[in-house]
Protein backbone atom coordinates (compact mmCIF):
# COMPACT_ATOMS: atom_id res chain seq x y z
CA MET A 1 240.82 -16.91 120.62
CA VAL A 2 241.03 -18.31 117.34
CA LEU A 3 238.10 -17.14 114.92
CA ASP A 4 236.13 -19.32 112.92
CA PHE A 5 236.99 -18.99 108.81
CA LYS A 6 233.39 -20.89 108.06
CA LYS A 7 231.15 -18.80 110.64
CA HIS A 8 229.17 -16.77 108.25
CA VAL A 9 228.56 -13.54 110.85
CA LYS A 10 227.28 -10.49 108.15
CA ASP A 11 225.95 -9.96 104.97
CA TYR A 12 226.56 -6.36 103.59
CA ARG A 13 223.63 -5.32 100.72
CA ASP A 14 225.26 -4.63 97.37
CA PRO A 15 223.49 -2.93 94.68
CA LEU A 16 224.83 -5.32 91.90
CA TYR A 17 225.41 -8.68 93.76
CA GLY A 18 222.77 -8.37 96.79
CA PHE A 19 223.92 -9.66 99.33
CA ILE A 20 228.28 -10.35 100.35
CA SER A 21 228.64 -12.41 103.03
CA VAL A 22 231.60 -12.23 105.18
CA ASN A 23 233.13 -14.94 108.19
CA GLU A 24 234.30 -14.02 111.67
CA VAL A 25 238.20 -13.42 110.63
CA GLU A 26 237.02 -10.98 107.27
CA GLN A 27 234.51 -8.87 109.78
CA LYS A 28 237.43 -8.97 112.44
CA ILE A 29 239.39 -7.22 109.91
CA ILE A 30 236.77 -5.30 108.50
CA ASP A 31 236.17 -3.26 111.51
CA SER A 32 239.75 -2.21 111.77
CA LYS A 33 240.12 1.08 111.89
CA TYR A 34 242.68 0.85 108.79
CA PHE A 35 239.61 -1.03 106.52
CA GLN A 36 236.85 1.47 107.94
CA ARG A 37 239.06 4.47 106.89
CA LEU A 38 238.26 3.00 103.14
CA ARG A 39 234.63 4.62 103.88
CA HIS A 40 236.15 7.69 103.27
CA ILE A 41 238.05 7.46 99.76
CA ASN A 42 236.26 7.52 96.89
CA GLN A 43 236.63 5.10 94.57
CA LEU A 44 237.43 7.48 91.35
CA GLY A 45 238.64 10.71 92.31
CA THR A 46 237.13 13.82 91.04
CA THR A 47 234.88 12.05 88.95
CA PHE A 48 231.78 13.21 91.06
CA LEU A 49 232.72 16.33 90.25
CA VAL A 50 231.63 15.36 86.20
CA TYR A 51 229.16 12.49 87.13
CA PRO A 52 227.34 13.19 90.32
CA SER A 53 226.83 10.12 91.17
CA ALA A 54 229.88 8.80 91.21
CA MET A 55 230.05 9.23 95.18
CA HIS A 56 231.20 4.97 95.57
CA THR A 57 233.92 3.95 97.85
CA ARG A 58 236.81 1.87 98.31
CA PHE A 59 235.32 0.58 100.97
CA GLU A 60 232.27 -1.58 98.82
CA HIS A 61 234.55 -1.80 96.05
CA SER A 62 236.80 -3.71 98.25
CA LEU A 63 233.48 -6.03 99.31
CA GLY A 64 232.60 -6.19 95.47
CA VAL A 65 236.53 -7.83 94.59
CA LEU A 66 235.87 -10.30 98.11
CA PHE A 67 232.60 -11.48 96.27
CA ILE A 68 234.00 -11.63 92.84
CA VAL A 69 236.89 -14.13 93.76
CA GLU A 70 234.29 -16.35 96.21
CA LYS A 71 232.22 -17.07 93.08
CA MET A 72 235.38 -17.36 90.51
CA LEU A 73 236.26 -20.01 93.58
CA ASN A 74 233.16 -21.19 93.50
CA HIS A 75 233.17 -22.25 89.33
CA LEU A 76 237.01 -23.22 88.92
CA PHE A 77 237.08 -25.71 91.94
CA SER A 78 233.94 -26.99 91.45
CA ASN A 79 235.53 -29.05 88.54
CA ASP A 80 237.95 -31.57 89.58
CA TYR A 81 240.11 -30.78 86.33
CA ASN A 82 240.93 -27.61 87.50
CA ILE A 83 241.74 -28.90 90.79
CA ASP A 84 243.79 -32.09 89.44
CA ALA A 85 245.71 -29.12 87.06
CA LEU A 86 246.51 -27.09 90.30
CA GLY A 87 248.28 -30.12 92.32
CA TRP A 88 247.36 -29.40 95.90
CA ASP A 89 246.27 -30.99 98.81
CA LYS A 90 243.08 -30.12 100.56
CA SER A 91 245.08 -28.81 103.20
CA ASP A 92 246.83 -26.38 100.78
CA LEU A 93 243.80 -25.45 98.66
CA GLY A 94 242.14 -24.70 102.26
CA ILE A 95 244.50 -22.05 103.00
CA ALA A 96 244.96 -21.11 99.14
CA ILE A 97 240.96 -20.11 99.18
CA LEU A 98 241.27 -17.95 102.88
CA SER A 99 244.29 -16.02 101.52
CA LEU A 100 243.26 -15.19 98.40
CA ARG A 101 239.60 -14.09 99.95
CA LEU A 102 241.97 -11.87 102.27
CA ALA A 103 244.07 -10.62 99.98
CA ALA A 104 240.67 -9.21 97.51
CA LEU A 105 239.10 -7.66 100.82
CA LEU A 106 242.58 -5.84 101.61
CA HIS A 107 243.93 -5.09 97.76
CA ASP A 108 242.94 -1.57 98.09
CA ILE A 109 243.65 -0.53 101.59
CA GLY A 110 247.14 1.52 100.89
CA HIS A 111 245.07 3.74 98.46
CA PRO A 112 245.61 8.09 99.12
CA PRO A 113 242.67 10.37 99.48
CA PHE A 114 240.88 10.19 96.10
CA SER A 115 242.55 7.48 95.00
CA HIS A 116 244.37 7.24 91.70
CA ALA A 117 244.03 11.41 91.45
CA SER A 118 247.02 11.55 94.35
CA GLU A 119 249.14 8.56 93.48
CA ASN A 120 251.51 10.92 93.00
CA LEU A 121 252.07 12.38 96.37
CA PHE A 122 254.08 9.63 97.72
CA PRO A 123 257.31 10.17 99.11
CA THR A 124 260.62 7.76 98.73
CA ASP A 125 261.69 4.63 100.79
CA LYS A 126 265.35 5.31 102.56
CA PHE A 127 266.59 3.62 99.22
CA GLN A 128 265.19 7.02 97.32
CA ASN A 129 262.77 4.54 96.07
CA GLN A 130 259.41 5.77 94.69
CA LEU A 131 256.55 4.22 96.87
CA ASP A 132 252.93 3.88 95.92
CA HIS A 133 249.92 3.04 97.21
CA GLU A 134 250.84 -1.05 96.94
CA ASP A 135 253.44 -0.59 99.13
CA TYR A 136 251.32 0.90 101.71
CA THR A 137 248.52 -1.76 101.05
CA TYR A 138 251.78 -4.20 101.65
CA LYS A 139 252.92 -2.17 104.85
CA LEU A 140 249.19 -1.87 106.36
CA ILE A 141 248.77 -5.60 105.95
CA THR A 142 252.05 -6.87 107.61
CA GLU A 143 253.07 -3.89 110.18
CA THR A 144 249.45 -3.49 111.57
CA GLU A 145 246.67 -5.44 114.10
CA ILE A 146 245.47 -6.68 110.12
CA ALA A 147 248.87 -8.84 110.21
CA ASP A 148 247.98 -10.15 113.64
CA ILE A 149 244.18 -11.23 113.11
CA ILE A 150 245.73 -12.95 109.79
CA ASN A 151 249.15 -14.91 111.23
CA ASN A 152 246.47 -16.09 114.58
CA ASN A 153 244.04 -17.46 112.68
CA ILE A 154 246.41 -18.98 109.25
CA GLY A 155 249.00 -19.48 110.53
CA THR A 156 252.34 -17.64 111.13
CA GLN A 157 253.87 -15.38 108.28
CA GLU A 158 250.90 -15.89 106.59
CA ALA A 159 250.03 -12.00 106.74
CA VAL A 160 253.23 -11.80 104.16
CA ASN A 161 251.60 -14.22 101.58
CA VAL A 162 248.10 -12.22 101.97
CA ALA A 163 250.40 -9.05 101.61
CA GLU A 164 252.02 -10.15 98.19
CA ILE A 165 248.93 -11.76 96.93
CA ALA A 166 247.02 -8.32 97.28
CA VAL A 167 249.61 -6.54 95.26
CA GLY A 168 251.12 -8.88 92.78
CA ARG A 169 253.89 -9.19 94.27
CA ALA A 170 254.18 -13.12 95.38
CA LYS A 171 257.27 -15.10 94.71
CA ASP A 172 255.82 -18.67 94.18
CA ARG A 173 254.14 -19.30 90.89
CA ASP A 174 251.21 -21.05 93.21
CA ALA A 175 251.09 -17.52 94.84
CA ALA A 176 251.54 -16.51 91.65
CA PHE A 177 248.56 -17.93 89.88
CA LEU A 178 246.13 -16.97 93.16
CA SER A 179 247.34 -12.88 92.71
CA ASP A 180 246.48 -12.95 88.61
CA LEU A 181 242.67 -14.50 89.74
CA LEU A 182 242.70 -11.04 92.13
CA THR A 183 244.84 -8.47 89.63
CA GLY A 184 245.18 -10.10 86.71
CA ASP A 185 243.68 -9.07 82.91
CA PHE A 186 240.68 -11.02 83.85
CA GLY A 187 240.69 -10.55 87.44
CA ALA A 188 238.92 -9.88 90.38
CA ASP A 189 239.28 -6.06 90.84
CA ARG A 190 238.58 -5.32 86.99
CA ILE A 191 235.72 -7.14 87.22
CA ASP A 192 233.93 -5.23 89.82
CA TYR A 193 235.52 -1.72 89.24
CA LEU A 194 234.05 -2.05 85.92
CA MET A 195 230.78 -2.95 86.74
CA ARG A 196 230.70 -1.08 90.09
CA ASP A 197 231.91 2.26 88.31
CA SER A 198 229.40 1.79 85.12
CA TYR A 199 226.73 1.35 87.27
CA HIS A 200 227.24 4.52 89.79
CA LEU A 201 227.73 6.19 86.93
CA GLY A 202 225.10 5.45 84.95
CA VAL A 203 227.27 4.92 81.40
CA GLU A 204 226.32 1.59 79.35
CA TYR A 205 229.85 1.10 78.73
CA GLY A 206 231.59 -1.02 81.30
CA LYS A 207 228.71 -3.65 80.90
CA PHE A 208 229.49 -7.40 79.77
CA ASP A 209 227.91 -10.65 80.62
CA ILE A 210 229.57 -11.59 83.77
CA HIS A 211 228.51 -15.02 84.42
CA ARG A 212 229.18 -16.02 81.16
CA LEU A 213 233.19 -14.48 81.94
CA LEU A 214 233.81 -16.48 85.27
CA ASN A 215 231.95 -19.76 83.19
CA THR A 216 234.88 -19.39 80.38
CA LEU A 217 237.80 -19.78 82.90
CA PHE A 218 239.80 -22.97 83.53
CA ILE A 219 243.23 -24.30 85.11
CA ARG A 220 245.70 -25.50 83.30
CA TYR A 221 249.31 -26.62 84.79
CA ASN A 222 252.12 -24.69 82.27
CA GLU A 223 254.65 -26.97 82.13
CA GLU A 224 257.09 -24.03 80.78
CA LYS A 225 256.41 -21.86 84.37
CA SER A 226 256.00 -25.00 85.91
CA GLY A 227 253.05 -23.32 87.56
CA PRO A 228 249.27 -23.16 87.00
CA GLU A 229 247.85 -20.87 85.43
CA LEU A 230 243.89 -19.51 83.49
CA TYR A 231 242.93 -20.31 80.28
CA ILE A 232 239.93 -19.96 78.46
CA GLU A 233 237.81 -22.27 75.84
CA ASP A 234 237.37 -20.85 72.63
CA GLY A 235 233.49 -20.48 72.97
CA GLY A 236 234.60 -17.43 75.89
CA ILE A 237 236.69 -15.75 73.34
CA HIS A 238 233.60 -13.28 72.40
CA THR A 239 232.74 -12.38 76.10
CA ILE A 240 236.71 -11.96 76.96
CA GLU A 241 236.69 -9.01 73.93
CA ALA A 242 233.13 -7.43 75.56
CA PHE A 243 234.99 -6.97 78.62
CA ILE A 244 238.74 -5.65 77.22
CA LEU A 245 236.56 -3.53 75.25
CA ALA A 246 234.47 -2.48 78.11
CA ARG A 247 237.49 -1.16 79.77
CA TYR A 248 238.86 0.70 76.66
CA PHE A 249 235.46 2.71 76.86
CA MET A 250 235.46 3.13 80.66
CA PHE A 251 239.20 4.72 80.18
CA THR A 252 238.49 6.83 77.05
CA ASP A 253 235.40 7.97 78.38
CA VAL A 254 235.25 7.72 82.02
CA TYR A 255 238.92 7.80 83.67
CA PHE A 256 240.25 9.88 81.27
CA HIS A 257 237.56 12.27 80.45
CA LYS A 258 239.30 15.62 80.01
CA THR A 259 237.44 18.00 82.92
CA ARG A 260 238.32 14.85 85.06
CA ARG A 261 241.90 15.05 84.14
CA ILE A 262 242.51 18.34 85.21
CA LEU A 263 240.37 18.62 88.21
CA ASP A 264 242.95 15.48 89.23
CA ASN A 265 245.55 17.26 88.63
CA HIS A 266 244.24 20.60 90.82
CA LEU A 267 243.41 18.66 93.36
CA THR A 268 247.04 17.23 93.46
CA GLU A 269 248.32 20.52 93.81
CA PHE A 270 246.24 21.12 96.78
CA ILE A 271 247.04 17.98 98.78
CA CYS A 272 250.28 18.21 98.25
CA SER A 273 250.31 22.02 99.70
CA CYS A 274 248.89 20.50 102.78
CA LEU A 275 251.48 17.79 103.27
CA GLU A 276 254.62 18.43 104.65
CA ASN A 277 257.56 18.79 102.39
CA GLY A 278 254.60 17.83 99.60
CA ARG A 279 254.48 14.01 100.53
CA TYR A 280 252.55 11.73 102.01
CA PRO A 281 254.11 10.69 105.61
CA LEU A 282 256.55 7.92 105.47
CA ASP A 283 254.68 6.35 108.89
CA ILE A 284 251.72 4.32 107.93
CA PHE A 285 250.35 5.10 111.37
CA LYS A 286 250.46 8.65 110.48
CA TYR A 287 249.33 8.11 106.88
CA ILE A 288 246.41 6.54 107.78
CA TYR A 289 244.51 9.82 109.01
CA TRP A 290 244.89 11.41 105.66
CA ASN A 291 241.24 10.35 103.47
CA ASP A 292 238.34 13.03 101.58
CA HIS A 293 236.94 14.42 104.83
CA GLN A 294 240.56 15.76 105.59
CA ILE A 295 241.06 16.80 102.19
CA PHE A 296 237.53 19.15 102.22
CA TYR A 297 238.31 20.07 105.45
CA GLU A 298 241.47 21.65 104.14
CA LEU A 299 239.90 22.95 101.26
CA ASN A 300 237.24 24.71 103.61
CA ASN A 301 239.74 26.53 105.66
CA ARG A 302 241.58 27.53 102.70
CA LYS A 303 238.63 28.25 100.22
CA GLN A 304 239.96 31.68 98.97
CA GLU A 305 242.87 30.33 98.17
CA GLU A 306 243.38 30.01 94.26
CA LEU A 307 244.21 26.41 94.73
CA ALA A 308 241.10 25.86 96.32
CA LYS A 309 238.88 28.25 94.06
CA ARG A 310 239.44 26.27 91.17
CA LEU A 311 237.96 22.65 92.47
CA LEU A 312 235.11 24.28 95.18
CA ASN A 313 234.37 27.67 92.24
CA ARG A 314 234.71 25.00 89.22
CA LYS A 315 237.71 27.87 88.30
CA HIS A 316 239.11 24.96 86.86
CA TYR A 317 241.57 24.83 83.65
CA ARG A 318 239.96 24.38 80.89
CA LEU A 319 240.66 21.61 77.78
CA CYS A 320 242.42 24.02 74.49
CA PHE A 321 243.71 21.58 72.91
CA GLU A 322 243.75 17.71 72.17
CA THR A 323 244.95 14.87 69.91
CA THR A 324 243.04 11.82 68.99
CA ASP A 325 242.39 9.03 71.43
CA HIS A 326 245.74 7.00 69.33
CA PRO A 327 247.78 9.57 67.66
CA GLU A 328 250.46 8.42 65.02
CA LEU A 329 253.79 8.67 66.10
CA HIS A 330 254.50 11.93 63.97
CA GLU A 331 251.55 13.33 65.99
CA LEU A 332 253.56 12.39 69.14
CA ILE A 333 256.59 14.20 67.87
CA LYS A 334 254.69 17.28 66.78
CA PHE A 335 253.19 17.35 70.59
CA ASN A 336 256.50 16.98 71.95
CA TRP A 337 257.77 19.79 70.29
CA MET A 338 254.42 22.15 70.58
CA LYS A 339 254.17 20.99 74.55
CA TYR A 340 257.41 22.83 75.11
CA GLU A 341 256.15 25.88 72.72
CA VAL A 342 253.28 26.78 74.72
CA LYS A 343 255.61 26.29 78.25
CA ASN A 344 257.44 28.91 76.92
CA LYS A 345 254.89 31.20 75.86
CA PHE A 346 252.09 30.71 78.49
CA GLY A 347 254.37 29.29 81.54
CA GLU A 348 252.49 28.22 84.49
CA ALA A 349 249.02 29.43 83.40
CA VAL A 350 249.60 26.21 81.03
CA TYR A 351 248.71 22.37 81.95
CA LEU A 352 250.07 19.36 79.98
CA ASP A 353 248.37 15.93 79.97
CA GLU A 354 249.30 12.66 78.98
CA ALA A 355 246.67 10.08 79.56
CA ASN A 356 248.63 6.45 78.88
CA LYS A 357 246.95 3.09 79.27
CA ALA A 358 247.32 0.20 77.29
CA THR A 359 243.83 -1.62 77.81
CA TYR A 360 244.78 -5.54 77.50
CA SER A 361 248.77 -6.55 78.70
CA PHE A 362 250.66 -7.39 75.63
CA ASP A 363 253.67 -6.76 77.56
CA GLN A 364 252.62 -9.67 80.26
CA PRO A 365 252.40 -13.34 79.68
CA GLU A 366 249.27 -14.02 77.35
CA ILE A 367 245.87 -15.74 78.82
CA PHE A 368 245.87 -18.92 76.57
CA VAL A 369 242.58 -20.11 74.78
CA LEU A 370 241.74 -23.53 73.82
CA GLN A 371 240.69 -24.37 70.38
CA ASN A 372 237.98 -27.36 71.11
CA LYS A 373 238.33 -27.70 67.28
CA HIS A 374 241.95 -28.49 66.83
CA ASN A 375 242.21 -28.96 70.42
CA GLU A 376 245.25 -26.96 71.11
CA PHE A 377 246.31 -23.86 73.22
CA ARG A 378 246.74 -20.64 71.42
CA ALA A 379 247.80 -16.82 72.72
CA LEU A 380 244.31 -14.44 73.05
CA SER A 381 246.05 -11.47 70.80
CA GLU A 382 246.36 -14.90 68.19
CA SER A 383 242.80 -15.84 68.32
CA SER A 384 241.22 -12.54 68.31
CA THR A 385 240.74 -10.15 65.63
CA VAL A 386 239.96 -7.84 68.71
CA VAL A 387 242.24 -7.50 70.70
CA ARG A 388 245.28 -8.39 68.24
CA ASN A 389 243.97 -4.73 66.58
CA LEU A 390 243.82 -3.10 70.02
CA ARG A 391 246.26 0.33 70.51
CA ARG A 392 247.39 1.63 73.17
CA ILE A 393 245.69 5.16 74.23
CA GLU A 394 247.99 8.13 74.02
CA LYS A 395 245.52 11.22 74.80
CA CYS A 396 247.67 14.81 74.78
CA ARG A 397 246.03 17.40 76.16
CA VAL A 398 246.72 21.32 76.63
CA TYR A 399 244.67 23.00 79.51
CA GLY A 400 244.95 27.00 80.29
CA ALA A 401 243.22 29.28 82.40
CA PRO A 402 240.32 30.24 82.06
CA GLU A 403 241.17 34.12 81.14
CA ILE A 404 243.80 32.91 78.62
CA CYS A 405 242.34 29.84 77.63
CA LYS A 406 240.88 31.40 73.86
CA ASP A 407 244.58 32.41 73.26
CA VAL A 408 246.36 29.08 74.32
CA MET A 409 243.45 27.41 71.95
CA GLY A 410 244.62 29.57 68.96
CA PHE A 411 248.10 29.08 69.45
CA CYS A 412 247.94 25.61 69.75
CA ASN A 413 245.95 25.14 66.47
CA SER A 414 247.99 27.41 64.58
CA PHE A 415 251.44 26.05 65.59
CA TRP A 416 249.35 22.24 64.87
CA LYS A 417 248.45 23.21 61.70
CA GLU A 418 251.80 24.96 60.15
CA LYS A 419 254.71 22.88 61.59
CA SER A 420 255.09 19.45 60.26
CA CYS A 421 257.52 17.12 61.23
């Protein structure tokens, strides 16, 4: 039976947006066991052990991204100039909207237990390529009943297109544009997780003017790329800057929080000990049974073991040394020198952590700003002093077991003062 994309069948209550409406096809996918699994995947790994209210899941985030995509499309396609820039006919436009909505809903379906905390436990494929949650997302969209739902209701092989949009691997310019609306620097994914994470954690860092952000986005046809791309009007630069800074502060103060980082590491070690060969199953039908509840079950069964105690009894390693968020080159060189010395002296009783992130993708094609005064386009980094002066976060830390923490701290501080590069 062909389902109705236009038939609104359910509203989900949401603390950020009020109600999130889904159609018949989307609800069919939501009801699948693959999507329902996201109810049991925490959005922020072990962050709830630092911020007690961080209990939200990938399930509600995925619904939130669908909502943001809908608002984004409503704004962009209410403007004839934007539609003309795309050059799509009515049929292409309709399929694009349906595909992007499904990609938004499904973009995180492949996440492992506790999300990014155990990302490095994915196996390699038969060609020895390292897999990640996006590879599993692609497989879950294209190799399960989800593919049948999509192909039977949009068109043959459309599940592959949805998967490529969802994981940012589109093969043509039009699909790449849709993927950028979802996963780009100002995509729906980032918009929702910043707002949702800050709301549930009770922090102010991730807040920005979402309405102004969406209203400042427009579409133009880029002759050099031979395809459509987003641009912003210069009146929206400050809103874009606020959005980028919100992401920056969420990384420095939440995602790279000192305790969350070490707890994620301990959790990864524990999960590794639970898995055959220390890796998640390559078979997606076995993989989907791994979720947060399964890990808690394993923790409680092994609560007398040291790895479990680090998490259940807060016997985690303690911070002994850290650099600034933006160490200079000579400091990075010195840390690389020190980490070998501290590891040689204390062995497995220490853990070395290097948290790296660029909160704006300078290495990717930049979004352009329309300078209305001169009627010309300039790259955002040329138009914004704030963006131009952003530096990559490169936080380096040393953690030590509680019983030797003072010794490790003393060693690191002495090394840092005495050694020069």
